[in-house]
């Protein structure tokens, strides 16, 4: 039992000795490489149909059978049509 206790104590001492000590300022700072990478905006698709085209939509409610029970969900179908 005595050897097992010393083994854990030595492993803990070696593990904590290799860790750097972080102060309050060091823990919140970020490396310079992180600031150089900027997030990109999501890609956007713009649809510009002619003036004669309009989007016609039809909406309805459908009953769906799910694991938690039967639910009513809104559904929608759209298509492009001429005026």
PDB file of N, CA and C in Angstrom:
ATOM      1  N   UNK A   1       0.816  -1.182   0.000  1.00  0.00           N
ATOM      2  CA  UNK A   1       0.000   0.000   0.000  1.00  0.00           C
ATOM      3  C   UNK A   1       0.865   1.253   0.000  1.00  0.00           C
ATOM      4  N   UNK A   2       1.981   1.177   0.672  1.00  0.00           N
ATOM      5  CA  UNK A   2       2.866   2.322   0.772  1.00  0.00           C
ATOM      6  C   UNK A   2       3.473   2.657  -0.595  1.00  0.00           C
ATOM      7  N   UNK A   3       3.812   1.645  -1.414  1.00  0.00           N
ATOM      8  CA  UNK A   3       4.417   1.901  -2.716  1.00  0.00           C
ATOM      9  C   UNK A   3       3.415   2.526  -3.685  1.00  0.00           C
ATOM     10  N   UNK A   4       2.162   2.122  -3.594  1.00  0.00           N
ATOM     11  CA  UNK A   4       1.134   2.697  -4.466  1.00  0.00           C
ATOM     12  C   UNK A   4       0.942   4.177  -4.159  1.00  0.00           C
ATOM     13  N   UNK A   5       0.983   4.556  -2.893  1.00  0.00           N
ATOM     14  CA  UNK A   5       0.832   5.962  -2.522  1.00  0.00           C
ATOM     15  C   UNK A   5       1.993   6.787  -3.046  1.00  0.00           C
ATOM     16  N   UNK A   6       3.210   6.271  -2.923  1.00  0.00           N
ATOM     17  CA  UNK A   6       4.374   6.986  -3.432  1.00  0.00           C
ATOM     18  C   UNK A   6       4.348   7.084  -4.954  1.00  0.00           C
ATOM     19  N   UNK A   7       3.847   6.062  -5.617  1.00  0.00           N
ATOM     20  CA  UNK A   7       3.754   6.102  -7.077  1.00  0.00           C
ATOM     21  C   UNK A   7       2.845   7.217  -7.560  1.00  0.00           C
ATOM     22  N   UNK A   8       1.683   7.357  -6.908  1.00  0.00           N
ATOM     23  CA  UNK A   8       0.778   8.434  -7.278  1.00  0.00           C
ATOM     24  C   UNK A   8       1.364   9.798  -6.954  1.00  0.00           C
ATOM     25  N   UNK A   9       2.059   9.916  -5.861  1.00  0.00           N
ATOM     26  CA  UNK A   9       2.666  11.192  -5.471  1.00  0.00           C
ATOM     27  C   UNK A   9       3.742  11.595  -6.467  1.00  0.00           C
ATOM     28  N   UNK A  10       4.560  10.632  -6.904  1.00  0.00           N
ATOM     29  CA  UNK A  10       5.629  10.935  -7.870  1.00  0.00           C
ATOM     30  C   UNK A  10       5.026  11.293  -9.222  1.00  0.00           C
ATOM     31  N   UNK A  11       4.009  10.553  -9.646  1.00  0.00           N
ATOM     32  CA  UNK A  11       3.365  10.848 -10.930  1.00  0.00           C
ATOM     33  C   UNK A  11       2.718  12.227 -10.909  1.00  0.00           C
ATOM     34  N   UNK A  12       2.102  12.598  -9.802  1.00  0.00           N
ATOM     35  CA  UNK A  12       1.486  13.907  -9.672  1.00  0.00           C
ATOM     36  C   UNK A  12       2.541  15.005  -9.693  1.00  0.00           C
ATOM     37  N   UNK A  13       3.666  14.789  -9.022  1.00  0.00           N
ATOM     38  CA  UNK A  13       4.734  15.788  -8.985  1.00  0.00           C
ATOM     39  C   UNK A  13       5.343  15.978 -10.368  1.00  0.00           C
ATOM     40  N   UNK A  14       5.540  14.889 -11.116  1.00  0.00           N
ATOM     41  CA  UNK A  14       6.124  14.999 -12.458  1.00  0.00           C
ATOM     42  C   UNK A  14       5.131  15.671 -13.401  1.00  0.00           C
ATOM     43  N   UNK A  15       3.869  15.322 -13.279  1.00  0.00           N
ATOM     44  CA  UNK A  15       2.857  15.910 -14.159  1.00  0.00           C
ATOM     45  C   UNK A  15       2.668  17.390 -13.942  1.00  0.00           C
ATOM     46  N   UNK A  16       2.665  17.852 -12.694  1.00  0.00           N
ATOM     47  CA  UNK A  16       2.481  19.274 -12.433  1.00  0.00           C
ATOM     48  C   UNK A  16       3.751  20.064 -12.648  1.00  0.00           C
ATOM     49  N   UNK A  17       4.915  19.428 -12.597  1.00  0.00           N
ATOM     50  CA  UNK A  17       6.164  20.150 -12.822  1.00  0.00           C
ATOM     51  C   UNK A  17       6.320  20.530 -14.286  1.00  0.00           C
ATOM     52  N   UNK A  18       5.772  19.744 -15.183  1.00  0.00           N
ATOM     53  CA  UNK A  18       5.897  20.043 -16.608  1.00  0.00           C
ATOM     54  C   UNK A  18       4.888  21.047 -17.112  1.00  0.00           C
ATOM     55  N   UNK A  19       3.899  21.417 -16.288  1.00  0.00           N
ATOM     56  CA  UNK A  19       2.877  22.365 -16.721  1.00  0.00           C
ATOM     57  C   UNK A  19       3.345  23.787 -16.462  1.00  0.00           C
ATOM     58  N   UNK A  20       3.126  24.696 -17.415  1.00  0.00           N
ATOM     59  CA  UNK A  20       3.501  26.089 -17.173  1.00  0.00           C
ATOM     60  C   UNK A  20       2.523  26.756 -16.215  1.00  0.00           C
ATOM     61  N   UNK A  21       3.010  27.726 -15.495  1.00  0.00           N
ATOM     62  CA  UNK A  21       2.169  28.461 -14.552  1.00  0.00           C
ATOM     63  C   UNK A  21       1.505  29.609 -15.300  1.00  0.00           C
ATOM     64  N   UNK A  22       0.174  29.637 -15.314  1.00  0.00           N
ATOM     65  CA  UNK A  22      -0.556  30.693 -16.003  1.00  0.00           C
ATOM     66  C   UNK A  22      -1.029  31.714 -14.991  1.00  0.00           C
ATOM     67  N   UNK A  23      -0.740  32.964 -15.266  1.00  0.00           N
ATOM     68  CA  UNK A  23      -1.260  34.048 -14.455  1.00  0.00           C
ATOM     69  C   UNK A  23      -2.548  34.545 -15.068  1.00  0.00           C
ATOM     70  N   UNK A  24      -3.208  35.533 -14.458  1.00  0.00           N
ATOM     71  CA  UNK A  24      -4.463  36.022 -15.008  1.00  0.00           C
ATOM     72  C   UNK A  24      -4.297  36.647 -16.392  1.00  0.00           C
ATOM     73  N   UNK A  25      -3.190  37.328 -16.641  1.00  0.00           N
ATOM     74  CA  UNK A  25      -2.992  37.966 -17.940  1.00  0.00           C
ATOM     75  C   UNK A  25      -2.610  36.941 -18.994  1.00  0.00           C
ATOM     76  N   UNK A  26      -1.869  35.928 -18.641  1.00  0.00           N
ATOM     77  CA  UNK A  26      -1.432  34.946 -19.614  1.00  0.00           C
ATOM     78  C   UNK A  26      -2.572  34.023 -20.028  1.00  0.00           C
ATOM     79  N   UNK A  27      -3.486  33.723 -19.150  1.00  0.00           N
ATOM     80  CA  UNK A  27      -4.560  32.792 -19.465  1.00  0.00           C
ATOM     81  C   UNK A  27      -5.557  33.407 -20.443  1.00  0.00           C
ATOM     82  N   UNK A  28      -5.709  34.734 -20.438  1.00  0.00           N
ATOM     83  CA  UNK A  28      -6.686  35.375 -21.300  1.00  0.00           C
ATOM     84  C   UNK A  28      -6.088  35.832 -22.619  1.00  0.00           C
ATOM     85  N   UNK A  29      -4.782  35.881 -22.741  1.00  0.00           N
ATOM     86  CA  UNK A  29      -4.181  36.342 -23.984  1.00  0.00           C
ATOM     87  C   UNK A  29      -4.221  35.231 -25.021  1.00  0.00           C
ATOM     88  N   UNK A  30      -4.260  35.630 -26.306  1.00  0.00           N
ATOM     89  CA  UNK A  30      -4.304  34.674 -27.396  1.00  0.00           C
ATOM     90  C   UNK A  30      -3.016  34.788 -28.192  1.00  0.00           C
ATOM     91  N   UNK A  31      -2.600  33.708 -28.841  1.00  0.00           N
ATOM     92  CA  UNK A  31      -1.391  33.792 -29.647  1.00  0.00           C
ATOM     93  C   UNK A  31      -1.606  34.704 -30.850  1.00  0.00           C
ATOM     94  N   UNK A  32      -0.517  35.228 -31.401  1.00  0.00           N
ATOM     95  CA  UNK A  32      -0.589  36.147 -32.530  1.00  0.00           C
ATOM     96  C   UNK A  32      -1.143  35.475 -33.788  1.00  0.00           C
ATOM     97  N   UNK A  33      -0.932  34.170 -33.939  1.00  0.00           N
ATOM     98  CA  UNK A  33      -1.416  33.471 -35.125  1.00  0.00           C
ATOM     99  C   UNK A  33      -2.941  33.463 -35.178  1.00  0.00           C
ATOM    100  N   UNK A  34      -3.597  33.440 -34.043  1.00  0.00           N
ATOM    101  CA  UNK A  34      -5.055  33.398 -34.009  1.00  0.00           C
ATOM    102  C   UNK A  34      -5.644  34.706 -34.533  1.00  0.00           C
ATOM    103  N   UNK A  35      -5.028  35.822 -34.209  1.00  0.00           N
ATOM    104  CA  UNK A  35      -5.543  37.113 -34.647  1.00  0.00           C
ATOM    105  C   UNK A  35      -5.351  37.323 -36.137  1.00  0.00           C
ATOM    106  N   UNK A  36      -4.412  36.641 -36.757  1.00  0.00           N
ATOM    107  CA  UNK A  36      -4.147  36.816 -38.179  1.00  0.00           C
ATOM    108  C   UNK A  36      -5.227  36.163 -39.033  1.00  0.00           C
ATOM    109  N   UNK A  37      -5.903  35.152 -38.517  1.00  0.00           N
ATOM    110  CA  UNK A  37      -6.939  34.442 -39.271  1.00  0.00           C
ATOM    111  C   UNK A  37      -8.275  35.102 -38.998  1.00  0.00           C
ATOM    112  N   UNK A  38      -8.920  35.610 -40.050  1.00  0.00           N
ATOM    113  CA  UNK A  38     -10.213  36.255 -39.893  1.00  0.00           C
ATOM    114  C   UNK A  38     -11.306  35.321 -40.397  1.00  0.00           C
ATOM    115  N   UNK A  39     -12.417  35.256 -39.705  1.00  0.00           N
ATOM    116  CA  UNK A  39     -13.502  34.389 -40.178  1.00  0.00           C
ATOM    117  C   UNK A  39     -14.121  34.954 -41.452  1.00  0.00           C
ATOM    118  N   UNK A  40     -14.526  34.063 -42.352  1.00  0.00           N
ATOM    119  CA  UNK A  40     -15.144  34.480 -43.604  1.00  0.00           C
ATOM    120  C   UNK A  40     -16.656  34.595 -43.434  1.00  0.00           C
ATOM    121  N   UNK A  41     -17.233  35.465 -44.220  1.00  0.00           N
ATOM    122  CA  UNK A  41     -18.684  35.604 -44.234  1.00  0.00           C
ATOM    123  C   UNK A  41     -19.274  34.423 -44.998  1.00  0.00           C
ATOM    124  N   UNK A  42     -20.464  33.979 -44.651  1.00  0.00           N
ATOM    125  CA  UNK A  42     -21.065  32.864 -45.379  1.00  0.00           C
ATOM    126  C   UNK A  42     -21.364  33.251 -46.825  1.00  0.00           C
ATOM    127  N   UNK A  43     -21.287  32.274 -47.722  1.00  0.00           N
ATOM    128  CA  UNK A  43     -21.562  32.525 -49.131  1.00  0.00           C
ATOM    129  C   UNK A  43     -23.051  32.827 -49.311  1.00  0.00           C
ATOM    130  N   UNK A  44     -23.355  33.819 -50.119  1.00  0.00           N
ATOM    131  CA  UNK A  44     -24.745  34.203 -50.360  1.00  0.00           C
ATOM    132  C   UNK A  44     -25.062  34.060 -51.840  1.00  0.00           C
ATOM    133  N   UNK A  45     -26.246  33.572 -52.119  1.00  0.00           N
ATOM    134  CA  UNK A  45     -26.700  33.428 -53.493  1.00  0.00           C
ATOM    135  C   UNK A  45     -27.837  34.411 -53.704  1.00  0.00           C
ATOM    136  N   UNK A  46     -27.683  35.282 -54.680  1.00  0.00           N
ATOM    137  CA  UNK A  46     -28.696  36.276 -54.976  1.00  0.00           C
ATOM    138  C   UNK A  46     -29.406  35.884 -56.261  1.00  0.00           C
ATOM    139  N   UNK A  47     -30.708  35.745 -56.200  1.00  0.00           N
ATOM    140  CA  UNK A  47     -31.505  35.411 -57.370  1.00  0.00           C
ATOM    141  C   UNK A  47     -32.158  36.683 -57.871  1.00  0.00           C
ATOM    142  N   UNK A  48     -31.892  37.053 -59.116  1.00  0.00           N
ATOM    143  CA  UNK A  48     -32.490  38.247 -59.704  1.00  0.00           C
ATOM    144  C   UNK A  48     -33.221  37.842 -60.976  1.00  0.00           C
ATOM    145  N   UNK A  49     -34.457  37.381 -60.855  1.00  0.00           N
ATOM    146  CA  UNK A  49     -35.218  37.018 -62.052  1.00  0.00           C
ATOM    147  C   UNK A  49     -35.705  38.267 -62.772  1.00  0.00           C
ATOM    148  N   UNK A  50     -36.267  38.057 -63.946  1.00  0.00           N
ATOM    149  CA  UNK A  50     -36.796  39.197 -64.687  1.00  0.00           C
ATOM    150  C   UNK A  50     -38.016  39.767 -63.969  1.00  0.00           C
ATOM    151  N   UNK A  51     -38.494  40.925 -64.441  1.00  0.00           N
ATOM    152  CA  UNK A  51     -39.623  41.579 -63.787  1.00  0.00           C
ATOM    153  C   UNK A  51     -40.925  40.813 -64.002  1.00  0.00           C
ATOM    154  N   UNK A  52     -40.966  39.951 -64.993  1.00  0.00           N
ATOM    155  CA  UNK A  52     -42.182  39.204 -65.286  1.00  0.00           C
ATOM    156  C   UNK A  52     -42.333  37.986 -64.379  1.00  0.00           C
ATOM    157  N   UNK A  53     -41.259  37.551 -63.725  1.00  0.00           N
ATOM    158  CA  UNK A  53     -41.328  36.359 -62.885  1.00  0.00           C
ATOM    159  C   UNK A  53     -41.685  36.725 -61.445  1.00  0.00           C
ATOM    160  N   UNK A  54     -42.525  35.929 -60.833  1.00  0.00           N
ATOM    161  CA  UNK A  54     -42.877  36.081 -59.423  1.00  0.00           C
ATOM    162  C   UNK A  54     -42.777  34.713 -58.769  1.00  0.00           C
ATOM    163  N   UNK A  55     -42.631  34.696 -57.496  1.00  0.00           N
ATOM    164  CA  UNK A  55     -42.553  33.442 -56.763  1.00  0.00           C
ATOM    165  C   UNK A  55     -43.903  33.172 -56.124  1.00  0.00           C
ATOM    166  N   UNK A  56     -44.517  32.078 -56.492  1.00  0.00           N
ATOM    167  CA  UNK A  56     -45.802  31.699 -55.939  1.00  0.00           C
ATOM    168  C   UNK A  56     -45.601  30.580 -54.935  1.00  0.00           C
ATOM    169  N   UNK A  57     -46.167  30.771 -53.741  1.00  0.00           N
ATOM    170  CA  UNK A  57     -45.999  29.792 -52.672  1.00  0.00           C
ATOM    171  C   UNK A  57     -47.364  29.302 -52.190  1.00  0.00           C
ATOM    172  N   UNK A  58     -47.405  28.042 -51.825  1.00  0.00           N
ATOM    173  CA  UNK A  58     -48.597  27.432 -51.262  1.00  0.00           C
ATOM    174  C   UNK A  58     -48.196  26.825 -49.929  1.00  0.00           C
ATOM    175  N   UNK A  59     -48.966  27.135 -48.888  1.00  0.00           N
ATOM    176  CA  UNK A  59     -48.659  26.614 -47.559  1.00  0.00           C
ATOM    177  C   UNK A  59     -49.790  25.765 -47.013  1.00  0.00           C
ATOM    178  N   UNK A  60     -49.442  24.782 -46.196  1.00  0.00           N
ATOM    179  CA  UNK A  60     -50.434  23.914 -45.580  1.00  0.00           C
ATOM    180  C   UNK A  60     -49.847  23.293 -44.324  1.00  0.00           C
ATOM    181  N   UNK A  61     -50.685  22.657 -43.547  1.00  0.00           N
ATOM    182  CA  UNK A  61     -50.258  21.940 -42.349  1.00  0.00           C
ATOM    183  C   UNK A  61     -50.342  20.446 -42.618  1.00  0.00           C
ATOM    184  N   UNK A  62     -49.324  19.706 -42.171  1.00  0.00           N
ATOM    185  CA  UNK A  62     -49.289  18.255 -42.367  1.00  0.00           C
ATOM    186  C   UNK A  62     -49.102  17.569 -41.018  1.00  0.00           C
ATOM    187  N   UNK A  63     -49.689  16.400 -40.890  1.00  0.00           N
ATOM    188  CA  UNK A  63     -49.541  15.597 -39.678  1.00  0.00           C
ATOM    189  C   UNK A  63     -48.345  14.671 -39.869  1.00  0.00           C
ATOM    190  N   UNK A  64     -47.400  14.724 -38.925  1.00  0.00           N
ATOM    191  CA  UNK A  64     -46.219  13.867 -38.979  1.00  0.00           C
ATOM    192  C   UNK A  64     -46.193  12.986 -37.743  1.00  0.00           C
ATOM    193  N   UNK A  65     -45.877  11.725 -37.964  1.00  0.00           N
ATOM    194  CA  UNK A  65     -45.786  10.764 -36.867  1.00  0.00           C
ATOM    195  C   UNK A  65     -44.316  10.627 -36.472  1.00  0.00           C
ATOM    196  N   UNK A  66     -43.978  11.085 -35.276  1.00  0.00           N
ATOM    197  CA  UNK A  66     -42.606  11.040 -34.775  1.00  0.00           C
ATOM    198  C   UNK A  66     -42.526  10.143 -33.560  1.00  0.00           C
ATOM    199  N   UNK A  67     -41.306   9.922 -33.085  1.00  0.00           N
ATOM    200  CA  UNK A  67     -41.117   9.059 -31.926  1.00  0.00           C
ATOM    201  C   UNK A  67     -41.780   9.628 -30.674  1.00  0.00           C
ATOM    202  N   UNK A  68     -41.765  10.955 -30.540  1.00  0.00           N
ATOM    203  CA  UNK A  68     -42.358  11.581 -29.361  1.00  0.00           C
ATOM    204  C   UNK A  68     -43.879  11.657 -29.452  1.00  0.00           C
ATOM    205  N   UNK A  69     -44.428  11.403 -30.647  1.00  0.00           N
ATOM    206  CA  UNK A  69     -45.876  11.461 -30.815  1.00  0.00           C
ATOM    207  C   UNK A  69     -46.234  12.125 -32.130  1.00  0.00           C
ATOM    208  N   UNK A  70     -47.496  12.270 -32.378  1.00  0.00           N
ATOM    209  CA  UNK A  70     -47.977  12.893 -33.606  1.00  0.00           C
ATOM    210  C   UNK A  70     -47.950  14.407 -33.440  1.00  0.00           C
ATOM    211  N   UNK A  71     -47.395  15.100 -34.458  1.00  0.00           N
ATOM    212  CA  UNK A  71     -47.305  16.556 -34.413  1.00  0.00           C
ATOM    213  C   UNK A  71     -47.821  17.136 -35.722  1.00  0.00           C
ATOM    214  N   UNK A  72     -48.251  18.389 -35.667  1.00  0.00           N
ATOM    215  CA  UNK A  72     -48.689  19.114 -36.852  1.00  0.00           C
ATOM    216  C   UNK A  72     -47.590  20.103 -37.198  1.00  0.00           C
ATOM    217  N   UNK A  73     -47.072  20.033 -38.445  1.00  0.00           N
ATOM    218  CA  UNK A  73     -45.972  20.898 -38.866  1.00  0.00           C
ATOM    219  C   UNK A  73     -46.378  21.701 -40.088  1.00  0.00           C
ATOM    220  N   UNK A  74     -45.921  22.954 -40.194  1.00  0.00           N
ATOM    221  CA  UNK A  74     -46.214  23.740 -41.396  1.00  0.00           C
ATOM    222  C   UNK A  74     -45.343  23.273 -42.558  1.00  0.00           C
ATOM    223  N   UNK A  75     -45.919  23.226 -43.750  1.00  0.00           N
ATOM    224  CA  UNK A  75     -45.210  22.854 -44.976  1.00  0.00           C
ATOM    225  C   UNK A  75     -45.378  23.987 -45.975  1.00  0.00           C
ATOM    226  N   UNK A  76     -44.427  24.086 -46.931  1.00  0.00           N
ATOM    227  CA  UNK A  76     -44.507  25.142 -47.929  1.00  0.00           C
ATOM    228  C   UNK A  76     -43.878  24.662 -49.219  1.00  0.00           C
ATOM    229  N   UNK A  77     -44.488  24.993 -50.343  1.00  0.00           N
ATOM    230  CA  UNK A  77     -43.972  24.660 -51.658  1.00  0.00           C
ATOM    231  C   UNK A  77     -44.031  25.917 -52.509  1.00  0.00           C
ATOM    232  N   UNK A  78     -42.910  26.257 -53.148  1.00  0.00           N
ATOM    233  CA  UNK A  78     -42.837  27.477 -53.960  1.00  0.00           C
ATOM    234  C   UNK A  78     -42.313  27.139 -55.348  1.00  0.00           C
ATOM    235  N   UNK A  79     -42.734  27.969 -56.326  1.00  0.00           N
ATOM    236  CA  UNK A  79     -42.206  27.835 -57.685  1.00  0.00           C
ATOM    237  C   UNK A  79     -42.268  29.213 -58.360  1.00  0.00           C
ATOM    238  N   UNK A  80     -41.456  29.372 -59.417  1.00  0.00           N
ATOM    239  CA  UNK A  80     -41.425  30.612 -60.162  1.00  0.00           C
ATOM    240  C   UNK A  80     -42.512  30.559 -61.237  1.00  0.00           C
ATOM    241  N   UNK A  81     -43.258  31.634 -61.404  1.00  0.00           N
ATOM    242  CA  UNK A  81     -44.315  31.705 -62.409  1.00  0.00           C
ATOM    243  C   UNK A  81     -44.284  33.084 -63.057  1.00  0.00           C
ATOM    244  N   UNK A  82     -44.828  33.161 -64.284  1.00  0.00           N
ATOM    245  CA  UNK A  82     -44.931  34.448 -64.978  1.00  0.00           C
ATOM    246  C   UNK A  82     -46.151  35.204 -64.486  1.00  0.00           C
ATOM    247  N   UNK A  83     -46.096  36.536 -64.518  1.00  0.00           N
ATOM    248  CA  UNK A  83     -47.222  37.385 -64.090  1.00  0.00           C
ATOM    249  C   UNK A  83     -48.312  37.350 -65.103  1.00  0.00           C
TER     250      UNK A  83
END
